[in-house]
Amino acid sequence: MPTHTALPALLPYEFAVEGSPVSVNRYGQPAYRNWRAKVQAASISSARWTGALTSTPTTVHIRYFWHLDRRKDVDNILKAILDGLDGKTGSSPKHPIRVLEDDRDVERAVSQRTKIDFSTRFRGKSLTTEEFSAVQLALSGQASVFVSVTHAPDHNRSVTR
């Protein structure tokens, strides 16, 4: 069994990925594998842990910023991003350093598409540093994706009877 150090204190964990997300409809194709590897590389670029960052239930927020890019369906871009978070980069075994132990730990996924152009207004204080970086990338003509991994919702409090 692999050893890992889960550091839930590092949650929320956020990062931006430069580029246009690839749809699950391209699963198995080089573009899909390349995007998944790009997400994985971006997700651990500032890694201060070994193994998986977390093996606890999580929520993943994805915000896809597009400007000149062809608009993608928000539901179709989730799979490659979640695969990248759990270290799948190709046909080889999972990358040893990754954000998620397994993408089955994701209990909630929120995906949002936001069109960015030079008339878009933002309140600077409402964006995190990583989210602002993703906006800047989109304004430069390149699509980008902001990803935030947080704790899963407390189901004891969120279920109404």
C-alpha atoms as a PDB file:
ATOM      1  CA  MET A   1       0.000   0.000   0.000  1.00  0.00           C
ATOM      2  CA  PRO A   2       1.497   3.382  -0.955  1.00  0.00           C
ATOM      3  CA  THR A   3       2.357   5.768   1.816  1.00  0.00           C
ATOM      4  CA  HIS A   4       1.163   9.319   1.557  1.00  0.00           C
ATOM      5  CA  THR A   5       0.890  12.378   3.672  1.00  0.00           C
ATOM      6  CA  ALA A   6      -2.567  13.920   3.537  1.00  0.00           C
ATOM      7  CA  LEU A   7      -2.476  17.568   4.483  1.00  0.00           C
ATOM      8  CA  PRO A   8      -6.087  18.723   4.730  1.00  0.00           C
ATOM      9  CA  ALA A   9      -4.812  21.952   6.296  1.00  0.00           C
ATOM     10  CA  LEU A  10      -3.726  22.927   2.770  1.00  0.00           C
ATOM     11  CA  LEU A  11      -7.344  22.990   1.625  1.00  0.00           C
ATOM     12  CA  PRO A  12      -8.660  24.937  -0.105  1.00  0.00           C
ATOM     13  CA  TYR A  13      -6.042  24.262  -2.750  1.00  0.00           C
ATOM     14  CA  GLU A  14      -6.258  26.398  -5.888  1.00  0.00           C
ATOM     15  CA  PHE A  15      -4.449  26.659  -9.204  1.00  0.00           C
ATOM     16  CA  ALA A  16      -4.921  27.857 -12.778  1.00  0.00           C
ATOM     17  CA  VAL A  17      -4.317  25.909 -15.974  1.00  0.00           C
ATOM     18  CA  GLU A  18      -3.510  27.746 -19.163  1.00  0.00           C
ATOM     19  CA  GLY A  19      -5.247  26.434 -22.252  1.00  0.00           C
ATOM     20  CA  SER A  20      -8.519  25.252 -23.604  1.00  0.00           C
ATOM     21  CA  PRO A  21     -10.071  22.315 -21.739  1.00  0.00           C
ATOM     22  CA  VAL A  22     -10.610  19.132 -23.704  1.00  0.00           C
ATOM     23  CA  SER A  23     -13.971  17.384 -23.765  1.00  0.00           C
ATOM     24  CA  VAL A  24     -14.558  13.868 -22.481  1.00  0.00           C
ATOM     25  CA  ASN A  25     -15.838  13.203 -26.012  1.00  0.00           C
ATOM     26  CA  ARG A  26     -12.164  13.027 -27.015  1.00  0.00           C
ATOM     27  CA  TYR A  27     -11.321  10.394 -24.380  1.00  0.00           C
ATOM     28  CA  GLY A  28      -8.446   8.173 -25.477  1.00  0.00           C
ATOM     29  CA  GLN A  29      -7.155  10.672 -28.022  1.00  0.00           C
ATOM     30  CA  PRO A  30      -3.780  12.431 -27.654  1.00  0.00           C
ATOM     31  CA  ALA A  31      -5.437  15.833 -27.069  1.00  0.00           C
ATOM     32  CA  TYR A  32      -7.352  14.415 -24.090  1.00  0.00           C
ATOM     33  CA  ARG A  33      -4.256  12.744 -22.604  1.00  0.00           C
ATOM     34  CA  ASN A  34      -2.193  15.913 -23.125  1.00  0.00           C
ATOM     35  CA  TRP A  35      -4.794  18.113 -21.407  1.00  0.00           C
ATOM     36  CA  ARG A  36      -5.090  15.686 -18.503  1.00  0.00           C
ATOM     37  CA  ALA A  37      -1.281  15.740 -18.096  1.00  0.00           C
ATOM     38  CA  LYS A  38      -1.282  19.546 -18.280  1.00  0.00           C
ATOM     39  CA  VAL A  39      -3.875  19.715 -15.479  1.00  0.00           C
ATOM     40  CA  GLN A  40      -1.839  17.276 -13.407  1.00  0.00           C
ATOM     41  CA  ALA A  41       1.392  19.271 -13.911  1.00  0.00           C
ATOM     42  CA  ALA A  42      -0.300  22.569 -13.025  1.00  0.00           C
ATOM     43  CA  SER A  43      -1.948  21.021  -9.976  1.00  0.00           C
ATOM     44  CA  ILE A  44       1.378  20.006  -8.417  1.00  0.00           C
ATOM     45  CA  SER A  45       3.596  22.845  -9.642  1.00  0.00           C
ATOM     46  CA  SER A  46       3.849  24.216  -6.111  1.00  0.00           C
ATOM     47  CA  ALA A  47       3.548  20.857  -4.314  1.00  0.00           C
ATOM     48  CA  ARG A  48       4.739  20.867  -0.737  1.00  0.00           C
ATOM     49  CA  TRP A  49       3.637  17.316  -0.020  1.00  0.00           C
ATOM     50  CA  THR A  50       4.329  13.717  -0.999  1.00  0.00           C
ATOM     51  CA  GLY A  51       1.723  11.233  -2.180  1.00  0.00           C
ATOM     52  CA  ALA A  52      -1.786  12.630  -2.397  1.00  0.00           C
ATOM     53  CA  LEU A  53      -2.619  16.038  -0.929  1.00  0.00           C
ATOM     54  CA  THR A  54      -5.898  14.666   0.401  1.00  0.00           C
ATOM     55  CA  SER A  55      -7.647  11.336   0.666  1.00  0.00           C
ATOM     56  CA  THR A  56     -10.755  12.787   2.280  1.00  0.00           C
ATOM     57  CA  PRO A  57     -14.087  13.645   0.633  1.00  0.00           C
ATOM     58  CA  THR A  58     -13.768  16.852  -1.367  1.00  0.00           C
ATOM     59  CA  THR A  59     -15.562  19.457  -3.424  1.00  0.00           C
ATOM     60  CA  VAL A  60     -14.016  20.609  -6.696  1.00  0.00           C
ATOM     61  CA  HIS A  61     -14.922  23.999  -8.175  1.00  0.00           C
ATOM     62  CA  ILE A  62     -13.987  24.520 -11.813  1.00  0.00           C
ATOM     63  CA  ARG A  63     -14.297  27.848 -13.571  1.00  0.00           C
ATOM     64  CA  TYR A  64     -13.557  27.862 -17.296  1.00  0.00           C
ATOM     65  CA  PHE A  65     -12.728  31.322 -18.631  1.00  0.00           C
ATOM     66  CA  TRP A  66     -12.967  31.770 -22.383  1.00  0.00           C
ATOM     67  CA  HIS A  67     -12.395  34.739 -24.622  1.00  0.00           C
ATOM     68  CA  LEU A  68     -11.402  33.813 -28.173  1.00  0.00           C
ATOM     69  CA  ASP A  69     -11.664  30.079 -27.553  1.00  0.00           C
ATOM     70  CA  ARG A  70     -14.514  27.974 -28.900  1.00  0.00           C
ATOM     71  CA  ARG A  71     -17.036  27.591 -26.079  1.00  0.00           C
ATOM     72  CA  LYS A  72     -17.007  24.166 -24.396  1.00  0.00           C
ATOM     73  CA  ASP A  73     -19.791  22.381 -22.519  1.00  0.00           C
ATOM     74  CA  VAL A  74     -19.190  22.622 -18.772  1.00  0.00           C
ATOM     75  CA  ASP A  75     -20.226  19.035 -18.150  1.00  0.00           C
ATOM     76  CA  ASN A  76     -17.867  17.588 -20.767  1.00  0.00           C
ATOM     77  CA  ILE A  77     -14.722  19.216 -19.361  1.00  0.00           C
ATOM     78  CA  LEU A  78     -15.021  17.747 -15.857  1.00  0.00           C
ATOM     79  CA  LYS A  79     -13.631  14.249 -16.480  1.00  0.00           C
ATOM     80  CA  ALA A  80     -10.175  15.238 -17.761  1.00  0.00           C
ATOM     81  CA  ILE A  81      -9.721  17.757 -14.944  1.00  0.00           C
ATOM     82  CA  LEU A  82     -10.712  15.245 -12.261  1.00  0.00           C
ATOM     83  CA  ASP A  83      -8.432  12.624 -13.854  1.00  0.00           C
ATOM     84  CA  GLY A  84      -5.560  15.127 -13.744  1.00  0.00           C
ATOM     85  CA  LEU A  85      -6.220  15.829 -10.071  1.00  0.00           C
ATOM     86  CA  ASP A  86      -5.873  12.165  -9.203  1.00  0.00           C
ATOM     87  CA  GLY A  87      -2.612  11.761 -11.099  1.00  0.00           C
ATOM     88  CA  LYS A  88      -3.733  10.067 -14.306  1.00  0.00           C
ATOM     89  CA  THR A  89      -1.417  11.374 -17.007  1.00  0.00           C
ATOM     90  CA  GLY A  90      -1.530   8.663 -19.641  1.00  0.00           C
ATOM     91  CA  SER A  91      -1.386   4.914 -19.829  1.00  0.00           C
ATOM     92  CA  SER A  92       1.222   4.759 -17.061  1.00  0.00           C
ATOM     93  CA  PRO A  93       0.371   4.374 -13.360  1.00  0.00           C
ATOM     94  CA  LYS A  94      -0.851   7.405 -11.433  1.00  0.00           C
ATOM     95  CA  HIS A  95       1.703  10.109 -10.763  1.00  0.00           C
ATOM     96  CA  PRO A  96       3.027   9.640  -7.206  1.00  0.00           C
ATOM     97  CA  ILE A  97       2.447  13.298  -6.266  1.00  0.00           C
ATOM     98  CA  ARG A  98      -1.142  14.349  -6.866  1.00  0.00           C
ATOM     99  CA  VAL A  99      -3.956  16.377  -5.360  1.00  0.00           C
ATOM    100  CA  LEU A 100      -6.505  13.567  -4.902  1.00  0.00           C
ATOM    101  CA  GLU A 101      -5.865  10.024  -3.772  1.00  0.00           C
ATOM    102  CA  ASP A 102      -8.716   9.009  -6.079  1.00  0.00           C
ATOM    103  CA  ASP A 103     -11.312  11.034  -7.966  1.00  0.00           C
ATOM    104  CA  ARG A 104     -13.963   8.882  -6.284  1.00  0.00           C
ATOM    105  CA  ASP A 105     -13.323  11.091  -3.235  1.00  0.00           C
ATOM    106  CA  VAL A 106     -15.014  13.999  -5.025  1.00  0.00           C
ATOM    107  CA  GLU A 107     -18.490  14.299  -3.524  1.00  0.00           C
ATOM    108  CA  ARG A 108     -19.404  17.553  -5.201  1.00  0.00           C
ATOM    109  CA  ALA A 109     -18.239  19.116  -8.456  1.00  0.00           C
ATOM    110  CA  VAL A 110     -19.231  22.611  -9.542  1.00  0.00           C
ATOM    111  CA  SER A 111     -18.400  23.663 -13.082  1.00  0.00           C
ATOM    112  CA  GLN A 112     -18.921  27.132 -14.505  1.00  0.00           C
ATOM    113  CA  ARG A 113     -18.176  28.750 -17.861  1.00  0.00           C
ATOM    114  CA  THR A 114     -17.453  32.486 -17.930  1.00  0.00           C
ATOM    115  CA  LYS A 115     -16.984  34.539 -21.088  1.00  0.00           C
ATOM    116  CA  ILE A 116     -14.250  37.110 -20.658  1.00  0.00           C
ATOM    117  CA  ASP A 117     -13.684  40.176 -22.794  1.00  0.00           C
ATOM    118  CA  PHE A 118     -12.288  43.630 -22.170  1.00  0.00           C
ATOM    119  CA  SER A 119     -15.680  44.989 -21.132  1.00  0.00           C
ATOM    120  CA  THR A 120     -16.078  42.367 -18.372  1.00  0.00           C
ATOM    121  CA  ARG A 121     -16.133  43.967 -14.942  1.00  0.00           C
ATOM    122  CA  PHE A 122     -14.565  42.268 -11.960  1.00  0.00           C
ATOM    123  CA  ARG A 123     -14.360  43.185  -8.339  1.00  0.00           C
ATOM    124  CA  GLY A 124     -10.733  42.478  -7.555  1.00  0.00           C
ATOM    125  CA  LYS A 125     -11.462  41.524  -3.972  1.00  0.00           C
ATOM    126  CA  SER A 126     -13.920  38.841  -5.061  1.00  0.00           C
ATOM    127  CA  LEU A 127     -11.267  36.821  -6.935  1.00  0.00           C
ATOM    128  CA  THR A 128      -8.480  34.796  -5.393  1.00  0.00           C
ATOM    129  CA  THR A 129      -4.953  35.250  -6.730  1.00  0.00           C
ATOM    130  CA  GLU A 130      -5.154  32.040  -8.764  1.00  0.00           C
ATOM    131  CA  GLU A 131      -8.579  32.921 -10.140  1.00  0.00           C
ATOM    132  CA  PHE A 132      -7.312  36.363 -11.168  1.00  0.00           C
ATOM    133  CA  SER A 133      -4.377  34.671 -12.940  1.00  0.00           C
ATOM    134  CA  ALA A 134      -6.851  32.566 -14.927  1.00  0.00           C
ATOM    135  CA  VAL A 135      -8.793  35.719 -15.904  1.00  0.00           C
ATOM    136  CA  GLN A 136      -5.596  37.383 -17.103  1.00  0.00           C
ATOM    137  CA  LEU A 137      -4.720  34.345 -19.212  1.00  0.00           C
ATOM    138  CA  ALA A 138      -8.154  34.426 -20.827  1.00  0.00           C
ATOM    139  CA  LEU A 139      -7.849  38.133 -21.584  1.00  0.00           C
ATOM    140  CA  SER A 140      -4.533  37.480 -23.320  1.00  0.00           C
ATOM    141  CA  GLY A 141      -6.461  35.362 -25.816  1.00  0.00           C
ATOM    142  CA  GLN A 142      -5.853  31.979 -24.257  1.00  0.00           C
ATOM    143  CA  ALA A 143      -8.617  30.087 -22.499  1.00  0.00           C
ATOM    144  CA  SER A 144      -7.875  29.040 -18.938  1.00  0.00           C
ATOM    145  CA  VAL A 145      -9.328  27.007 -16.128  1.00  0.00           C
ATOM    146  CA  PHE A 146      -9.359  27.844 -12.428  1.00  0.00           C
ATOM    147  CA  VAL A 147      -9.609  24.864 -10.072  1.00  0.00           C
ATOM    148  CA  SER A 148     -10.296  24.929  -6.342  1.00  0.00           C
ATOM    149  CA  VAL A 149     -10.327  21.799  -4.193  1.00  0.00           C
ATOM    150  CA  THR A 150     -12.037  22.193  -0.828  1.00  0.00           C
ATOM    151  CA  HIS A 151     -13.561  20.023   1.852  1.00  0.00           C
ATOM    152  CA  ALA A 152     -16.767  18.173   0.999  1.00  0.00           C
ATOM    153  CA  PRO A 153     -20.012  19.594   2.329  1.00  0.00           C
ATOM    154  CA  ASP A 154     -21.175  18.460   5.749  1.00  0.00           C
ATOM    155  CA  HIS A 155     -23.985  16.121   4.755  1.00  0.00           C
ATOM    156  CA  ASN A 156     -25.416  16.090   8.249  1.00  0.00           C
ATOM    157  CA  ARG A 157     -26.131  19.802   7.866  1.00  0.00           C
ATOM    158  CA  SER A 158     -26.990  19.956   4.166  1.00  0.00           C
ATOM    159  CA  VAL A 159     -29.761  17.367   3.985  1.00  0.00           C
ATOM    160  CA  THR A 160     -33.204  18.607   4.857  1.00  0.00           C
ATOM    161  CA  ARG A 161     -35.816  16.259   6.171  1.00  0.00           C
END
